[in-house]
Amino acid sequence: MNKKIIMWIVIGALFLVALFLVFQAGSGATNSTGSAIDTTGWTADEIMNYEMHGTIPTGAGTTSASSSSGMVGGC
């Protein structure tokens, strides 16, 4: 009987941790640099590719050295 109680306590703790992490990830909707990318002049297709895949158009004129590969996060 004692092992069942410990098992349910562990399951409950894991559930609470998972719930906390889901809400924490949902509330952090900002990018890692803290600055927004200016998308004025981009086509709808370029904006969609940035939002879905993280690709920055080659003519965007980014000033950051880390984003020279064209991918957000350096992927």
C-alpha atoms as a PDB file:
ATOM      1  CA  MET A   1       0.000   0.000   0.000  1.00  0.00           C
ATOM      2  CA  ASN A   2       2.899   2.338   0.749  1.00  0.00           C
ATOM      3  CA  LYS A   3       4.394   1.910  -2.754  1.00  0.00           C
ATOM      4  CA  LYS A   4       1.100   2.938  -4.382  1.00  0.00           C
ATOM      5  CA  ILE A   5       0.992   6.179  -2.425  1.00  0.00           C
ATOM      6  CA  ILE A   6       4.580   7.034  -3.363  1.00  0.00           C
ATOM      7  CA  MET A   7       3.843   6.225  -7.018  1.00  0.00           C
ATOM      8  CA  TRP A   8       0.824   8.567  -7.088  1.00  0.00           C
ATOM      9  CA  ILE A   9       2.817  11.322  -5.399  1.00  0.00           C
ATOM     10  CA  VAL A  10       5.528  11.005  -8.052  1.00  0.00           C
ATOM     11  CA  ILE A  11       2.936  10.998 -10.852  1.00  0.00           C
ATOM     12  CA  GLY A  12       1.261  14.076  -9.388  1.00  0.00           C
ATOM     13  CA  ALA A  13       4.562  15.910  -9.041  1.00  0.00           C
ATOM     14  CA  LEU A  14       5.513  15.108 -12.646  1.00  0.00           C
ATOM     15  CA  PHE A  15       2.110  16.326 -13.815  1.00  0.00           C
ATOM     16  CA  LEU A  16       2.502  19.614 -11.952  1.00  0.00           C
ATOM     17  CA  VAL A  17       5.990  20.139 -13.373  1.00  0.00           C
ATOM     18  CA  ALA A  18       4.749  19.424 -16.908  1.00  0.00           C
ATOM     19  CA  LEU A  19       1.818  21.797 -16.429  1.00  0.00           C
ATOM     20  CA  PHE A  20       4.126  24.528 -15.165  1.00  0.00           C
ATOM     21  CA  LEU A  21       6.487  24.103 -18.125  1.00  0.00           C
ATOM     22  CA  VAL A  22       3.625  24.243 -20.633  1.00  0.00           C
ATOM     23  CA  PHE A  23       2.362  27.533 -19.229  1.00  0.00           C
ATOM     24  CA  GLN A  24       5.881  28.936 -18.960  1.00  0.00           C
ATOM     25  CA  ALA A  25       6.610  28.116 -22.602  1.00  0.00           C
ATOM     26  CA  GLY A  26       3.317  29.644 -23.699  1.00  0.00           C
ATOM     27  CA  SER A  27       3.941  32.928 -21.912  1.00  0.00           C
ATOM     28  CA  GLY A  28       7.411  33.489 -23.389  1.00  0.00           C
ATOM     29  CA  ALA A  29       6.347  34.551 -26.888  1.00  0.00           C
ATOM     30  CA  THR A  30       9.276  36.931 -27.454  1.00  0.00           C
ATOM     31  CA  ASN A  31      12.352  36.152 -29.503  1.00  0.00           C
ATOM     32  CA  SER A  32      15.689  35.506 -27.842  1.00  0.00           C
ATOM     33  CA  THR A  33      17.291  38.799 -28.897  1.00  0.00           C
ATOM     34  CA  GLY A  34      14.520  40.911 -27.388  1.00  0.00           C
ATOM     35  CA  SER A  35      14.127  43.027 -30.507  1.00  0.00           C
ATOM     36  CA  ALA A  36      11.558  42.673 -33.253  1.00  0.00           C
ATOM     37  CA  ILE A  37      12.583  42.252 -36.877  1.00  0.00           C
ATOM     38  CA  ASP A  38      11.291  44.936 -39.231  1.00  0.00           C
ATOM     39  CA  THR A  39       9.226  43.165 -41.877  1.00  0.00           C
ATOM     40  CA  THR A  40       8.189  46.240 -43.833  1.00  0.00           C
ATOM     41  CA  GLY A  41       8.784  45.668 -47.511  1.00  0.00           C
ATOM     42  CA  TRP A  42       8.638  41.887 -47.228  1.00  0.00           C
ATOM     43  CA  THR A  43       6.202  39.944 -49.369  1.00  0.00           C
ATOM     44  CA  ALA A  44       3.498  37.816 -47.759  1.00  0.00           C
ATOM     45  CA  ASP A  45       5.454  34.702 -48.759  1.00  0.00           C
ATOM     46  CA  GLU A  46       8.637  35.975 -47.071  1.00  0.00           C
ATOM     47  CA  ILE A  47       6.726  36.792 -43.872  1.00  0.00           C
ATOM     48  CA  MET A  48       5.135  33.331 -43.897  1.00  0.00           C
ATOM     49  CA  ASN A  49       8.541  31.664 -44.388  1.00  0.00           C
ATOM     50  CA  TYR A  50       9.961  33.684 -41.484  1.00  0.00           C
ATOM     51  CA  GLU A  51       7.063  32.829 -39.167  1.00  0.00           C
ATOM     52  CA  MET A  52       6.915  29.134 -40.061  1.00  0.00           C
ATOM     53  CA  HIS A  53      10.547  28.246 -40.735  1.00  0.00           C
ATOM     54  CA  GLY A  54      12.644  31.084 -39.310  1.00  0.00           C
ATOM     55  CA  THR A  55      14.236  31.932 -42.648  1.00  0.00           C
ATOM     56  CA  ILE A  56      15.155  35.580 -43.137  1.00  0.00           C
ATOM     57  CA  PRO A  57      15.132  36.882 -46.730  1.00  0.00           C
ATOM     58  CA  THR A  58      18.587  37.665 -48.100  1.00  0.00           C
ATOM     59  CA  GLY A  59      17.686  41.294 -48.779  1.00  0.00           C
ATOM     60  CA  ALA A  60      16.438  41.948 -45.248  1.00  0.00           C
ATOM     61  CA  GLY A  61      19.601  43.799 -44.193  1.00  0.00           C
ATOM     62  CA  THR A  62      20.074  42.299 -40.748  1.00  0.00           C
ATOM     63  CA  THR A  63      22.676  43.970 -38.566  1.00  0.00           C
ATOM     64  CA  SER A  64      23.367  41.035 -36.282  1.00  0.00           C
ATOM     65  CA  ALA A  65      26.415  38.910 -37.081  1.00  0.00           C
ATOM     66  CA  SER A  66      24.790  35.805 -35.607  1.00  0.00           C
ATOM     67  CA  SER A  67      21.929  35.886 -38.121  1.00  0.00           C
ATOM     68  CA  SER A  68      24.151  35.902 -41.191  1.00  0.00           C
ATOM     69  CA  SER A  69      23.170  32.341 -42.050  1.00  0.00           C
ATOM     70  CA  GLY A  70      19.585  33.419 -42.706  1.00  0.00           C
ATOM     71  CA  MET A  71      18.110  31.201 -39.999  1.00  0.00           C
ATOM     72  CA  VAL A  72      16.736  32.304 -36.662  1.00  0.00           C
ATOM     73  CA  GLY A  73      18.657  30.650 -33.838  1.00  0.00           C
ATOM     74  CA  GLY A  74      21.546  29.665 -36.075  1.00  0.00           C
ATOM     75  CA  CYS A  75      20.006  26.376 -37.209  1.00  0.00           C
END
